[in-house]
Amino acid sequence: MSPNPRKALRPRPARRRVILFNKPYGCLSQFTDKGTGGTAEGARATLSDFIDIADVYPAGRLDRDSEGLLVLTNDGKLQAQIASPKFKRPKTYLAQVEGAPAPDQIAALAAGVTLKDGPTRPAEAQLIPAPSLWERDPPVRYRKTVPDAWVEITLTEGRNRQVRRMCAAVGLPCLRLVRWRVGDWTLDGLAPGSWREL
């Protein structure tokens, strides 16, 4: 079998760059807004509003309404290792959910939930105290009559909107979602919209 010509033309970068970025709420996980979601005030926020480095690309995605750690790199192999579920790189999320989670709901998240695209892998899930995070802009909308709580979930896969769908499947709608960790990298010391290079 002949080698993939596209792979052969893609040399490894002379200097690998890895950027840790705290993606704010409302920012797209891409450098340009190719969609139709622009507002009367202008296009949606993108990575180019915060990061001015050429030839780095997101390793995986975070939804526009999710916040937290996004890893960018110029190394295609590393990008694949982070983004592809086959490498099972753990990613930890802090989810603010509506309701008071019962032990069986947490156990269901940990055991794996059956979604429309099939069952999820087992995960680590636990109730945690409210973390010390920045204020979200816009703020989360609360209902005075409904309690809320925080759950920490660690996955080794990354389906579209997976944490939100898992929480909804066990009866805990997600109010706010922050990715805190990817592998050994965390958001420690990174304010929303800021980044650092490893």
C-alpha atoms as a PDB file:
ATOM      1  CA  MET A   1       0.000   0.000   0.000  1.00  0.00           C
ATOM      2  CA  SER A   2       1.448   3.395  -0.953  1.00  0.00           C
ATOM      3  CA  PRO A   3       1.971   5.983   1.779  1.00  0.00           C
ATOM      4  CA  ASN A   4      -0.546   8.759   2.253  1.00  0.00           C
ATOM      5  CA  PRO A   5       0.791  11.628   0.074  1.00  0.00           C
ATOM      6  CA  ARG A   6      -0.815  14.276   2.279  1.00  0.00           C
ATOM      7  CA  LYS A   7       1.017  12.903   5.307  1.00  0.00           C
ATOM      8  CA  ALA A   8       4.314  12.858   3.424  1.00  0.00           C
ATOM      9  CA  LEU A   9       3.938  16.542   2.537  1.00  0.00           C
ATOM     10  CA  ARG A  10       3.271  17.579   6.130  1.00  0.00           C
ATOM     11  CA  PRO A  11       6.623  17.873   7.903  1.00  0.00           C
ATOM     12  CA  ARG A  12       6.822  17.947  11.669  1.00  0.00           C
ATOM     13  CA  PRO A  13       7.253  21.476  12.962  1.00  0.00           C
ATOM     14  CA  ALA A  14      10.823  22.541  13.707  1.00  0.00           C
ATOM     15  CA  ARG A  15       9.603  23.797  17.079  1.00  0.00           C
ATOM     16  CA  ARG A  16       6.539  22.272  18.677  1.00  0.00           C
ATOM     17  CA  ARG A  17       4.255  24.883  20.193  1.00  0.00           C
ATOM     18  CA  VAL A  18       1.603  24.151  22.791  1.00  0.00           C
ATOM     19  CA  ILE A  19      -0.746  26.906  23.939  1.00  0.00           C
ATOM     20  CA  LEU A  20      -3.133  26.627  26.898  1.00  0.00           C
ATOM     21  CA  PHE A  21      -6.079  29.011  26.495  1.00  0.00           C
ATOM     22  CA  ASN A  22      -8.964  29.755  28.856  1.00  0.00           C
ATOM     23  CA  LYS A  23     -11.792  30.037  26.342  1.00  0.00           C
ATOM     24  CA  PRO A  24     -14.479  32.459  27.491  1.00  0.00           C
ATOM     25  CA  TYR A  25     -18.200  31.829  27.171  1.00  0.00           C
ATOM     26  CA  GLY A  26     -19.439  32.834  23.718  1.00  0.00           C
ATOM     27  CA  CYS A  27     -16.116  32.370  21.922  1.00  0.00           C
ATOM     28  CA  LEU A  28     -15.947  29.917  19.018  1.00  0.00           C
ATOM     29  CA  SER A  29     -13.221  27.246  19.083  1.00  0.00           C
ATOM     30  CA  GLN A  30     -11.883  28.413  15.705  1.00  0.00           C
ATOM     31  CA  PHE A  31      -9.980  31.379  14.309  1.00  0.00           C
ATOM     32  CA  THR A  32     -12.666  32.593  11.883  1.00  0.00           C
ATOM     33  CA  ASP A  33     -16.448  32.763  12.044  1.00  0.00           C
ATOM     34  CA  LYS A  34     -17.603  30.854   8.978  1.00  0.00           C
ATOM     35  CA  GLY A  35     -21.152  30.411  10.250  1.00  0.00           C
ATOM     36  CA  THR A  36     -24.212  32.593  10.017  1.00  0.00           C
ATOM     37  CA  GLY A  37     -24.310  33.451  13.695  1.00  0.00           C
ATOM     38  CA  GLY A  38     -23.096  37.022  13.392  1.00  0.00           C
ATOM     39  CA  THR A  39     -25.177  39.627  15.157  1.00  0.00           C
ATOM     40  CA  ALA A  40     -26.124  43.150  14.181  1.00  0.00           C
ATOM     41  CA  GLU A  41     -23.136  44.297  16.245  1.00  0.00           C
ATOM     42  CA  GLY A  42     -20.752  42.076  14.289  1.00  0.00           C
ATOM     43  CA  ALA A  43     -19.394  38.558  14.058  1.00  0.00           C
ATOM     44  CA  ARG A  44     -19.083  36.185  16.972  1.00  0.00           C
ATOM     45  CA  ALA A  45     -15.882  36.121  19.038  1.00  0.00           C
ATOM     46  CA  THR A  46     -13.244  33.706  17.745  1.00  0.00           C
ATOM     47  CA  LEU A  47      -9.790  32.564  18.836  1.00  0.00           C
ATOM     48  CA  SER A  48      -8.217  35.306  16.702  1.00  0.00           C
ATOM     49  CA  ASP A  49      -9.706  37.880  19.099  1.00  0.00           C
ATOM     50  CA  PHE A  50      -7.417  36.504  21.828  1.00  0.00           C
ATOM     51  CA  ILE A  51      -4.480  34.637  20.243  1.00  0.00           C
ATOM     52  CA  ASP A  52      -2.112  36.165  17.694  1.00  0.00           C
ATOM     53  CA  ILE A  53       0.108  33.185  16.879  1.00  0.00           C
ATOM     54  CA  ALA A  54       0.383  31.708  13.389  1.00  0.00           C
ATOM     55  CA  ASP A  55       0.009  28.022  12.572  1.00  0.00           C
ATOM     56  CA  VAL A  56      -1.471  26.719  15.826  1.00  0.00           C
ATOM     57  CA  TYR A  57      -4.807  24.919  15.792  1.00  0.00           C
ATOM     58  CA  PRO A  58      -7.233  23.709  18.471  1.00  0.00           C
ATOM     59  CA  ALA A  59      -6.794  20.112  19.594  1.00  0.00           C
ATOM     60  CA  GLY A  60     -10.473  19.308  20.019  1.00  0.00           C
ATOM     61  CA  ARG A  61     -13.279  21.752  20.562  1.00  0.00           C
ATOM     62  CA  LEU A  62     -15.334  23.426  23.236  1.00  0.00           C
ATOM     63  CA  ASP A  63     -18.872  24.503  22.421  1.00  0.00           C
ATOM     64  CA  ARG A  64     -19.568  28.213  22.200  1.00  0.00           C
ATOM     65  CA  ASP A  65     -21.571  28.087  25.437  1.00  0.00           C
ATOM     66  CA  SER A  66     -18.856  26.173  27.318  1.00  0.00           C
ATOM     67  CA  GLU A  67     -15.787  27.690  28.954  1.00  0.00           C
ATOM     68  CA  GLY A  68     -12.349  26.607  29.974  1.00  0.00           C
ATOM     69  CA  LEU A  69      -9.221  24.868  28.803  1.00  0.00           C
ATOM     70  CA  LEU A  70      -8.567  24.672  25.084  1.00  0.00           C
ATOM     71  CA  VAL A  71      -5.201  23.322  23.919  1.00  0.00           C
ATOM     72  CA  LEU A  72      -3.752  24.647  20.664  1.00  0.00           C
ATOM     73  CA  THR A  73      -0.687  23.270  18.905  1.00  0.00           C
ATOM     74  CA  ASN A  74       1.204  23.209  15.611  1.00  0.00           C
ATOM     75  CA  ASP A  75       1.958  19.485  16.068  1.00  0.00           C
ATOM     76  CA  GLY A  76      -0.571  17.390  14.122  1.00  0.00           C
ATOM     77  CA  LYS A  77       0.335  14.199  15.996  1.00  0.00           C
ATOM     78  CA  LEU A  78      -0.241  15.818  19.390  1.00  0.00           C
ATOM     79  CA  GLN A  79      -3.438  17.400  18.086  1.00  0.00           C
ATOM     80  CA  ALA A  80      -4.759  13.943  17.132  1.00  0.00           C
ATOM     81  CA  GLN A  81      -3.728  12.426  20.476  1.00  0.00           C
ATOM     82  CA  ILE A  82      -5.680  15.078  22.377  1.00  0.00           C
ATOM     83  CA  ALA A  83      -8.752  15.158  20.147  1.00  0.00           C
ATOM     84  CA  SER A  84      -9.224  11.471  19.287  1.00  0.00           C
ATOM     85  CA  PRO A  85     -11.091   9.275  21.804  1.00  0.00           C
ATOM     86  CA  LYS A  86      -8.924   6.282  20.847  1.00  0.00           C
ATOM     87  CA  PHE A  87      -6.031   7.725  22.891  1.00  0.00           C
ATOM     88  CA  LYS A  88      -8.286   7.983  26.005  1.00  0.00           C
ATOM     89  CA  ARG A  89      -6.663  11.202  27.216  1.00  0.00           C
ATOM     90  CA  PRO A  90      -8.704  12.238  30.286  1.00  0.00           C
ATOM     91  CA  LYS A  91     -10.534  15.569  30.280  1.00  0.00           C
ATOM     92  CA  THR A  92     -12.072  16.945  33.469  1.00  0.00           C
ATOM     93  CA  TYR A  93     -15.143  19.191  33.465  1.00  0.00           C
ATOM     94  CA  LEU A  94     -16.833  21.175  36.220  1.00  0.00           C
ATOM     95  CA  ALA A  95     -20.574  21.167  35.574  1.00  0.00           C
ATOM     96  CA  GLN A  96     -23.045  23.351  37.407  1.00  0.00           C
ATOM     97  CA  VAL A  97     -26.323  21.470  37.252  1.00  0.00           C
ATOM     98  CA  GLU A  98     -29.906  22.294  38.087  1.00  0.00           C
ATOM     99  CA  GLY A  99     -31.272  20.259  40.964  1.00  0.00           C
ATOM    100  CA  ALA A 100     -29.806  18.387  43.926  1.00  0.00           C
ATOM    101  CA  PRO A 101     -28.015  15.317  42.532  1.00  0.00           C
ATOM    102  CA  ALA A 102     -28.911  12.052  44.206  1.00  0.00           C
ATOM    103  CA  PRO A 103     -26.323   9.295  44.672  1.00  0.00           C
ATOM    104  CA  ASP A 104     -27.963   7.183  41.942  1.00  0.00           C
ATOM    105  CA  GLN A 105     -27.659  10.050  39.443  1.00  0.00           C
ATOM    106  CA  ILE A 106     -23.939  10.423  40.172  1.00  0.00           C
ATOM    107  CA  ALA A 107     -23.533   6.636  39.952  1.00  0.00           C
ATOM    108  CA  ALA A 108     -25.304   6.653  36.574  1.00  0.00           C
ATOM    109  CA  LEU A 109     -22.906   9.308  35.224  1.00  0.00           C
ATOM    110  CA  ALA A 110     -19.945   7.240  36.419  1.00  0.00           C
ATOM    111  CA  ALA A 111     -21.258   3.961  35.008  1.00  0.00           C
ATOM    112  CA  GLY A 112     -21.920   5.420  31.572  1.00  0.00           C
ATOM    113  CA  VAL A 113     -25.099   6.812  30.061  1.00  0.00           C
ATOM    114  CA  THR A 114     -26.882   5.646  26.934  1.00  0.00           C
ATOM    115  CA  LEU A 115     -27.256   8.566  24.540  1.00  0.00           C
ATOM    116  CA  LYS A 116     -28.789   8.728  21.065  1.00  0.00           C
ATOM    117  CA  ASP A 117     -25.374   7.899  19.573  1.00  0.00           C
ATOM    118  CA  GLY A 118     -24.838   4.949  21.914  1.00  0.00           C
ATOM    119  CA  PRO A 119     -23.554   4.270  25.426  1.00  0.00           C
ATOM    120  CA  THR A 120     -20.760   6.409  26.832  1.00  0.00           C
ATOM    121  CA  ARG A 121     -17.645   4.980  28.407  1.00  0.00           C
ATOM    122  CA  PRO A 122     -17.560   4.821  32.201  1.00  0.00           C
ATOM    123  CA  ALA A 123     -16.444   8.121  33.697  1.00  0.00           C
ATOM    124  CA  GLU A 124     -15.337   9.530  37.022  1.00  0.00           C
ATOM    125  CA  ALA A 125     -18.116  11.605  38.562  1.00  0.00           C
ATOM    126  CA  GLN A 126     -18.489  13.189  41.972  1.00  0.00           C
ATOM    127  CA  LEU A 127     -20.311  16.006  43.732  1.00  0.00           C
ATOM    128  CA  ILE A 128     -17.967  18.872  44.642  1.00  0.00           C
ATOM    129  CA  PRO A 129     -18.312  22.135  46.560  1.00  0.00           C
ATOM    130  CA  ALA A 130     -18.909  25.210  44.406  1.00  0.00           C
ATOM    131  CA  PRO A 131     -15.477  25.997  42.874  1.00  0.00           C
ATOM    132  CA  SER A 132     -13.869  29.452  43.008  1.00  0.00           C
ATOM    133  CA  LEU A 133     -14.355  30.515  39.406  1.00  0.00           C
ATOM    134  CA  TRP A 134     -14.602  33.835  37.607  1.00  0.00           C
ATOM    135  CA  GLU A 135     -18.031  35.371  37.065  1.00  0.00           C
ATOM    136  CA  ARG A 136     -19.498  34.310  33.769  1.00  0.00           C
ATOM    137  CA  ASP A 137     -20.511  36.983  31.252  1.00  0.00           C
ATOM    138  CA  PRO A 138     -23.466  36.782  30.818  1.00  0.00           C
ATOM    139  CA  PRO A 139     -24.319  35.416  34.264  1.00  0.00           C
ATOM    140  CA  VAL A 140     -26.000  32.044  34.680  1.00  0.00           C
ATOM    141  CA  ARG A 141     -29.780  32.374  35.052  1.00  0.00           C
ATOM    142  CA  TYR A 142     -30.972  30.861  38.318  1.00  0.00           C
ATOM    143  CA  ARG A 143     -34.420  29.830  39.448  1.00  0.00           C
ATOM    144  CA  LYS A 144     -35.007  30.750  43.088  1.00  0.00           C
ATOM    145  CA  THR A 145     -37.176  27.693  43.659  1.00  0.00           C
ATOM    146  CA  VAL A 146     -34.707  25.180  42.188  1.00  0.00           C
ATOM    147  CA  PRO A 147     -31.378  24.336  43.851  1.00  0.00           C
ATOM    148  CA  ASP A 148     -28.177  23.876  41.900  1.00  0.00           C
ATOM    149  CA  ALA A 149     -24.973  21.932  42.520  1.00  0.00           C
ATOM    150  CA  TRP A 150     -21.546  21.254  41.009  1.00  0.00           C
ATOM    151  CA  VAL A 151     -20.393  17.924  39.630  1.00  0.00           C
ATOM    152  CA  GLU A 152     -16.864  17.050  38.505  1.00  0.00           C
ATOM    153  CA  ILE A 153     -16.798  14.656  35.546  1.00  0.00           C
ATOM    154  CA  THR A 154     -13.711  13.132  33.929  1.00  0.00           C
ATOM    155  CA  LEU A 155     -14.154  11.568  30.477  1.00  0.00           C
ATOM    156  CA  THR A 156     -11.841   9.627  28.191  1.00  0.00           C
ATOM    157  CA  GLU A 157     -13.859  10.388  25.070  1.00  0.00           C
ATOM    158  CA  GLY A 158     -15.188  13.581  23.568  1.00  0.00           C
ATOM    159  CA  ARG A 159     -18.484  13.408  21.743  1.00  0.00           C
ATOM    160  CA  ASN A 160     -20.410  16.484  20.690  1.00  0.00           C
ATOM    161  CA  ARG A 161     -21.868  18.185  23.798  1.00  0.00           C
ATOM    162  CA  GLN A 162     -21.276  14.956  25.706  1.00  0.00           C
ATOM    163  CA  VAL A 163     -21.217  16.261  29.288  1.00  0.00           C
ATOM    164  CA  ARG A 164     -24.355  18.333  28.767  1.00  0.00           C
ATOM    165  CA  ARG A 165     -26.154  15.374  27.205  1.00  0.00           C
ATOM    166  CA  MET A 166     -25.040  12.999  29.952  1.00  0.00           C
ATOM    167  CA  CYS A 167     -26.237  15.355  32.675  1.00  0.00           C
ATOM    168  CA  ALA A 168     -29.580  15.872  30.925  1.00  0.00           C
ATOM    169  CA  ALA A 169     -29.991  12.090  30.516  1.00  0.00           C
ATOM    170  CA  VAL A 170     -29.853  11.584  34.298  1.00  0.00           C
ATOM    171  CA  GLY A 171     -32.196  14.507  34.992  1.00  0.00           C
ATOM    172  CA  LEU A 172     -29.607  17.198  35.816  1.00  0.00           C
ATOM    173  CA  PRO A 173     -29.736  19.981  33.207  1.00  0.00           C
ATOM    174  CA  CYS A 174     -26.375  21.737  32.867  1.00  0.00           C
ATOM    175  CA  LEU A 175     -26.366  25.455  33.682  1.00  0.00           C
ATOM    176  CA  ARG A 176     -22.648  26.093  33.242  1.00  0.00           C
ATOM    177  CA  LEU A 177     -19.806  23.946  31.938  1.00  0.00           C
ATOM    178  CA  VAL A 178     -16.084  24.570  32.431  1.00  0.00           C
ATOM    179  CA  ARG A 179     -13.334  22.261  31.160  1.00  0.00           C
ATOM    180  CA  TRP A 180     -10.685  22.379  33.858  1.00  0.00           C
ATOM    181  CA  ARG A 181      -8.135  19.772  32.786  1.00  0.00           C
ATOM    182  CA  VAL A 182      -6.821  18.046  29.641  1.00  0.00           C
ATOM    183  CA  GLY A 183      -4.375  15.273  30.542  1.00  0.00           C
ATOM    184  CA  ASP A 184      -1.891  16.872  32.967  1.00  0.00           C
ATOM    185  CA  TRP A 185      -2.652  20.460  31.905  1.00  0.00           C
ATOM    186  CA  THR A 186      -5.063  22.616  33.915  1.00  0.00           C
ATOM    187  CA  LEU A 187      -6.502  26.115  33.968  1.00  0.00           C
ATOM    188  CA  ASP A 188      -4.510  27.044  37.083  1.00  0.00           C
ATOM    189  CA  GLY A 189      -3.538  30.706  36.898  1.00  0.00           C
ATOM    190  CA  LEU A 190      -5.334  31.416  33.605  1.00  0.00           C
ATOM    191  CA  ALA A 191      -8.010  34.093  33.567  1.00  0.00           C
ATOM    192  CA  PRO A 192     -10.761  33.925  30.924  1.00  0.00           C
ATOM    193  CA  GLY A 193      -9.422  35.072  27.544  1.00  0.00           C
ATOM    194  CA  SER A 194      -5.770  34.628  28.561  1.00  0.00           C
ATOM    195  CA  TRP A 195      -3.266  32.027  27.397  1.00  0.00           C
ATOM    196  CA  ARG A 196       0.226  30.773  28.099  1.00  0.00           C
ATOM    197  CA  GLU A 197       2.713  28.810  26.064  1.00  0.00           C
ATOM    198  CA  LEU A 198       4.304  25.666  27.479  1.00  0.00           C
END
